[in-house]
Structure formats: structure tokens, C-alpha cells
N, C-alpha and C. Protein backbone atom coordinates (compact mmCIF):
# COMPACT_ATOMS: atom_id res chain seq x y z
N MET A 1 -4.33 -19.40 1.03
CA MET A 1 -4.60 -18.29 1.02
C MET A 1 -3.74 -17.02 1.28
N SER A 2 -3.21 -16.14 0.13
CA SER A 2 -2.35 -14.83 0.68
C SER A 2 -3.17 -14.27 1.73
N HIS A 3 -1.94 -13.19 2.07
CA HIS A 3 -2.87 -11.88 3.04
C HIS A 3 -3.50 -11.02 2.23
N SER A 4 -2.95 -10.80 1.13
CA SER A 4 -3.44 -9.89 -0.05
C SER A 4 -4.93 -10.04 -0.14
N ILE A 5 -4.88 -11.43 -0.51
CA ILE A 5 -6.57 -11.99 -1.03
C ILE A 5 -7.75 -11.61 0.50
N ILE A 6 -7.10 -12.34 1.65
CA ILE A 6 -7.43 -12.09 2.73
C ILE A 6 -8.09 -10.77 2.83
N TYR A 7 -7.10 -9.62 2.57
CA TYR A 7 -7.19 -8.12 2.74
C TYR A 7 -8.14 -7.74 1.91
N GLU A 8 -8.63 -8.46 0.41
CA GLU A 8 -9.55 -7.55 -0.31
C GLU A 8 -10.35 -8.33 0.18
N CYS A 9 -10.64 -9.17 0.40
CA CYS A 9 -12.05 -9.62 0.81
C CYS A 9 -12.52 -9.18 1.71
N PHE A 10 -12.09 -8.58 2.95
CA PHE A 10 -12.44 -7.60 4.01
C PHE A 10 -12.63 -6.87 3.58
N LYS A 11 -11.85 -5.80 2.37
CA LYS A 11 -12.16 -4.41 1.87
C LYS A 11 -13.42 -4.42 1.12
N GLU A 12 -13.44 -5.63 0.41
CA GLU A 12 -15.10 -5.80 -0.04
C GLU A 12 -16.22 -5.86 0.27
N THR A 13 -16.06 -6.69 1.30
CA THR A 13 -17.67 -6.59 2.62
C THR A 13 -17.31 -4.97 3.59
N VAL A 14 -16.57 -4.44 3.74
CA VAL A 14 -16.49 -3.11 4.30
C VAL A 14 -17.49 -2.72 3.51
N THR A 15 -17.28 -2.42 1.86
CA THR A 15 -17.44 -1.43 1.29
C THR A 15 -19.01 -1.91 1.04
N GLN A 16 -19.40 -3.21 1.18
CA GLN A 16 -20.61 -3.64 0.89
C GLN A 16 -21.70 -3.76 2.01
N PHE A 17 -21.08 -3.51 3.12
CA PHE A 17 -21.85 -4.11 4.33
C PHE A 17 -21.35 -3.22 5.27
N PRO A 18 -21.16 -2.06 5.38
CA PRO A 18 -20.11 -0.83 6.53
C PRO A 18 -20.67 -1.31 7.56
N GLU A 19 -22.01 -1.23 7.60
CA GLU A 19 -22.73 -0.91 9.02
C GLU A 19 -23.63 -2.13 9.57
N TYR A 20 -22.57 -3.38 8.83
CA TYR A 20 -23.28 -4.85 9.66
C TYR A 20 -22.28 -4.63 10.73
N PRO A 21 -22.75 -6.14 11.59
CA PRO A 21 -21.79 -6.10 12.81
C PRO A 21 -20.59 -7.15 12.51
N SER A 22 -19.27 -7.22 12.46
CA SER A 22 -18.51 -7.64 12.34
C SER A 22 -17.82 -8.89 13.50
N ILE A 23 -17.88 -8.22 14.54
CA ILE A 23 -17.55 -8.82 15.83
C ILE A 23 -18.79 -8.75 17.15
N ILE A 24 -18.96 -9.68 17.50
CA ILE A 24 -19.75 -9.21 18.72
C ILE A 24 -19.13 -10.10 19.70
N GLU A 25 -19.12 -9.53 20.72
CA GLU A 25 -18.39 -10.43 22.08
C GLU A 25 -19.04 -9.55 23.31
N GLN A 26 -19.79 -10.29 24.20
CA GLN A 26 -19.89 -10.18 25.48
C GLN A 26 -20.91 -8.40 25.53
N GLY A 27 -22.19 -9.08 24.52
CA GLY A 27 -22.97 -7.59 24.12
C GLY A 27 -22.32 -6.58 23.60
N LYS A 28 -21.09 -6.61 23.20
CA LYS A 28 -20.69 -5.10 22.48
C LYS A 28 -19.90 -5.92 21.02
N SER A 29 -20.72 -4.59 19.96
CA SER A 29 -20.14 -4.93 18.97
C SER A 29 -19.22 -4.20 18.14
N LEU A 30 -18.91 -4.67 16.96
CA LEU A 30 -18.29 -3.47 15.94
C LEU A 30 -18.73 -3.48 14.54
N THR A 31 -19.03 -2.67 13.54
CA THR A 31 -19.60 -2.75 12.06
C THR A 31 -17.93 -2.90 11.60
N TYR A 32 -18.40 -3.53 10.43
CA TYR A 32 -17.50 -3.60 9.59
C TYR A 32 -16.84 -2.26 9.37
N ALA A 33 -17.17 -1.18 9.15
CA ALA A 33 -16.31 0.30 9.37
C ALA A 33 -16.18 0.53 9.96
N GLN A 34 -16.21 0.08 11.66
CA GLN A 34 -15.69 0.50 12.40
C GLN A 34 -14.69 -0.38 12.93
N LEU A 35 -14.35 -1.15 12.48
CA LEU A 35 -13.33 -2.64 12.49
C LEU A 35 -11.89 -2.19 11.52
N ASP A 36 -12.73 -1.56 10.21
CA ASP A 36 -11.59 -1.18 9.51
C ASP A 36 -11.00 0.08 9.75
N ARG A 37 -11.78 1.40 10.46
CA ARG A 37 -11.04 2.30 10.99
C ARG A 37 -10.00 1.71 12.21
N ARG A 38 -10.66 0.87 12.72
CA ARG A 38 -9.37 0.45 13.67
C ARG A 38 -8.28 0.10 13.53
N ILE A 39 -8.22 -0.97 12.41
CA ILE A 39 -7.23 -1.70 11.46
C ILE A 39 -6.14 -0.70 11.13
N ASP A 40 -6.79 0.42 10.14
CA ASP A 40 -6.23 1.22 9.78
C ASP A 40 -5.39 2.14 10.98
N LEU A 41 -5.88 2.33 11.84
CA LEU A 41 -5.04 3.26 13.16
C LEU A 41 -4.02 2.56 13.55
N ILE A 42 -4.24 1.29 13.62
CA ILE A 42 -3.11 0.42 14.34
C ILE A 42 -2.08 -0.20 13.53
N ALA A 43 -2.50 -0.31 11.93
CA ALA A 43 -1.58 -0.44 11.21
C ALA A 43 -0.71 0.94 10.43
N GLY A 44 -1.04 1.71 11.27
CA GLY A 44 -0.47 3.43 11.05
C GLY A 44 0.99 3.37 12.10
N LYS A 45 0.59 2.69 12.96
CA LYS A 45 1.72 2.46 13.63
C LYS A 45 3.34 1.65 13.65
N PHE A 46 2.76 0.80 12.76
CA PHE A 46 3.95 0.15 12.24
C PHE A 46 4.62 0.86 11.20
N PRO A 47 6.02 0.53 11.22
CA PRO A 47 7.02 0.83 9.84
C PRO A 47 6.28 0.41 8.67
N SER A 48 6.01 1.16 7.30
CA SER A 48 6.28 0.47 6.09
C SER A 48 7.21 -0.83 5.96
N ARG A 49 6.73 -1.46 4.81
CA ARG A 49 7.31 -2.57 4.90
C ARG A 49 7.55 -2.46 3.33
N GLU A 50 7.83 -1.15 2.69
CA GLU A 50 7.92 -1.00 1.46
C GLU A 50 9.39 -1.32 1.05
N LYS A 51 10.05 -1.70 -0.18
CA LYS A 51 11.87 -1.51 -0.51
C LYS A 51 11.77 -0.49 -0.85
N SER A 52 13.02 0.19 -0.65
CA SER A 52 13.06 1.23 -1.35
C SER A 52 14.15 1.06 -2.69
């Protein structure tokens, strides 16, 4: 399965179920919307891989 397909499936889940828990650990959880925002913040710190 390619990374783009996994990403597309994740984004679809975020759209359909933004307030559902995505991660639950030691009594704490993140919703899909919260996880998506954190992923975007982390991804923004990496240089672009676009070809010129």
C-alpha cells in the first residue's frame, strides 16, 4: 500500500469522524481532528520534497 493511499484514507476518516478518538493511551486520547492538526504541524517543520 502506498503512502499516498494511507494518507488519503486517514484524511477521509478525519473528514467523516473528526471527533472520534484516534489514539488512546494511558487514559489520554486524541481525536482524529487533533491528530491531523499535530501531523500538519510536524510535517510543516520538514523541508518540501517537491521537485523543481
